[in-house]
C-alpha cells in the first residue's frame, strides 16, 4: 500500500510541474510615441473610441498638431497638416508574475470568511 501512495504522490507532483503556466507572460498595449519626427515632445494624449489621440504642440497653446493611431494595431490613421507623425504608435509591455497558490494565505482567508459568518442562535 505504501508503494501505491509513493507512486501516486510522484505522479501528482510531476503533473503539477508540467502543467504550471509560465509566470512572466507580458501584457502589451499601444501608446503615443514620446515625440514626433520633428522631435516635438508629446503634450496631451488620450484614448478615444478605439483610437489614440496624440498632440505634439510646437508652442504653448498649440492644438492643431495631432496624430491619431488605431489602438488595436498602432498604425497611423490621421496625420494633421504640418505634423510629422511617426508611422506607428509605440508598444508598451508590462510583465506580470502569476501568483502561485499559497496554502498559508488560503487558510488565512478561510479563517477570515468564517469569522464574518454569523453564528447560529441557541434556543
Protein backbone atom coordinates (compact mmCIF):
# COMPACT_ATOMS: atom_id res chain seq x y z
CA UNK A 1 0.00 0.00 0.00
CA UNK A 2 2.88 2.38 0.72
CA UNK A 3 4.25 1.76 -2.77
CA UNK A 4 0.93 2.89 -4.30
CA UNK A 5 0.96 6.05 -2.14
CA UNK A 6 4.52 6.83 -3.23
CA UNK A 7 3.72 6.34 -6.93
CA UNK A 8 0.56 8.46 -6.69
CA UNK A 9 2.46 11.27 -4.94
CA UNK A 10 5.24 11.28 -7.55
CA UNK A 11 2.76 11.24 -10.45
CA UNK A 12 0.73 14.11 -8.99
CA UNK A 13 3.90 16.13 -8.34
CA UNK A 14 5.05 15.63 -11.95
CA UNK A 15 1.64 16.67 -13.29
CA UNK A 16 1.77 19.85 -11.19
CA UNK A 17 5.23 20.70 -12.53
CA UNK A 18 4.36 20.04 -16.18
CA UNK A 19 1.03 21.89 -16.11
CA UNK A 20 2.41 25.03 -14.44
CA UNK A 21 1.72 28.13 -16.52
CA UNK A 22 4.57 30.48 -17.40
CA UNK A 23 4.94 33.19 -14.81
CA UNK A 24 6.22 36.03 -16.98
CA UNK A 25 3.61 36.49 -19.69
CA UNK A 26 3.53 40.10 -20.97
CA UNK A 27 0.50 42.35 -21.31
CA UNK A 28 1.04 44.77 -24.19
CA UNK A 29 -0.78 47.86 -25.46
CA UNK A 30 -0.03 50.71 -27.84
CA UNK A 31 0.78 54.18 -26.51
CA UNK A 32 1.53 57.52 -28.15
CA UNK A 33 5.17 57.98 -29.22
CA UNK A 34 7.05 60.31 -26.86
CA UNK A 35 7.97 62.67 -29.69
CA UNK A 36 7.05 63.27 -33.33
CA UNK A 37 9.65 63.00 -36.11
CA UNK A 38 10.49 66.72 -35.68
CA UNK A 39 11.45 66.00 -32.03
CA UNK A 40 8.48 67.87 -30.52
CA UNK A 41 7.54 66.04 -27.33
CA UNK A 42 4.04 64.83 -26.65
CA UNK A 43 1.61 67.18 -24.95
CA UNK A 44 -1.91 65.86 -24.44
CA UNK A 45 -2.72 62.23 -25.22
CA UNK A 46 -5.83 60.17 -24.58
CA UNK A 47 -7.74 57.13 -25.89
CA UNK A 48 -10.96 57.82 -27.81
CA UNK A 49 -13.27 55.20 -29.38
CA UNK A 50 -10.55 52.68 -30.17
CA UNK A 51 -8.05 55.34 -31.22
CA UNK A 52 -5.07 57.04 -29.60
CA UNK A 53 -5.14 60.82 -29.95
CA UNK A 54 -1.67 62.35 -29.56
CA UNK A 55 -0.99 66.10 -29.65
CA UNK A 56 2.51 67.44 -30.29
CA UNK A 57 2.38 71.20 -29.58
CA UNK A 58 5.05 73.25 -31.33
CA UNK A 59 4.37 76.19 -28.98
CA UNK A 60 2.24 76.92 -25.91
CA UNK A 61 -1.49 76.65 -26.69
CA UNK A 62 -0.97 74.78 -30.00
CA UNK A 63 -3.77 72.22 -30.51
CA UNK A 64 -3.62 71.62 -34.27
CA UNK A 65 -0.64 69.27 -34.48
CA UNK A 66 -2.37 65.94 -33.85
CA UNK A 67 -1.55 62.33 -34.70
CA UNK A 68 -4.27 59.68 -34.38
CA UNK A 69 -3.38 55.99 -34.19
CA UNK A 70 -5.52 52.86 -34.21
CA UNK A 71 -5.38 51.46 -30.65
CA UNK A 72 -5.62 47.84 -31.83
CA UNK A 73 -2.75 47.85 -34.36
CA UNK A 74 -0.84 51.04 -33.54
CA UNK A 75 -0.99 52.17 -37.18
CA UNK A 76 -1.21 55.88 -38.01
CA UNK A 77 -4.73 56.76 -39.19
CA UNK A 78 -4.72 60.61 -39.20
CA UNK A 79 -1.74 62.91 -39.69
CA UNK A 80 -2.79 66.56 -39.37
CA UNK A 81 -1.14 69.07 -41.76
CA UNK A 82 2.21 70.34 -40.51
CA UNK A 83 2.71 67.39 -38.18
CA UNK A 84 5.43 64.86 -38.90
CA UNK A 85 3.90 61.83 -37.14
CA UNK A 86 5.74 58.54 -36.66
CA UNK A 87 4.13 55.80 -38.78
CA UNK A 88 3.36 53.57 -35.78
CA UNK A 89 2.49 54.06 -32.12
CA UNK A 90 4.90 52.72 -29.52
CA UNK A 91 4.18 49.34 -27.98
CA UNK A 92 4.40 49.18 -24.20
CA UNK A 93 4.52 45.82 -22.43
CA UNK A 94 4.21 45.05 -18.73
CA UNK A 95 5.44 41.76 -17.39
CA UNK A 96 3.35 40.39 -14.58
CA UNK A 97 4.15 37.40 -12.48
CA UNK A 98 1.40 34.91 -11.96
CA UNK A 99 0.72 34.46 -8.28
CA UNK A 100 1.15 30.87 -7.24
CA UNK A 101 -1.13 29.05 -4.84
CA UNK A 102 -0.07 29.59 -1.25
CA UNK A 103 -1.63 27.28 1.30
CA UNK A 104 -0.91 29.65 4.21
CA UNK A 105 -2.77 32.53 2.51
CA UNK A 106 -5.63 30.18 1.63
CA UNK A 107 -6.07 29.03 5.25
CA UNK A 108 -5.88 32.64 6.46
CA UNK A 109 -8.61 33.73 4.02
CA UNK A 110 -10.81 30.80 5.06
CA UNK A 111 -10.49 31.79 8.72
CA UNK A 112 -11.40 35.40 7.90
CA UNK A 113 -14.51 34.28 6.00
CA UNK A 114 -15.60 32.00 8.81
CA UNK A 115 -15.17 34.78 11.39
CA UNK A 116 -17.51 37.00 9.36
CA UNK A 117 -20.28 34.38 9.17
CA UNK A 118 -22.96 34.86 11.86
CA UNK A 119 -23.20 32.15 14.47
CA UNK A 120 -26.43 30.22 14.96
CA UNK A 121 -28.58 31.46 17.81
CA UNK A 122 -29.12 28.87 20.52
CA UNK A 123 -32.74 28.46 21.62
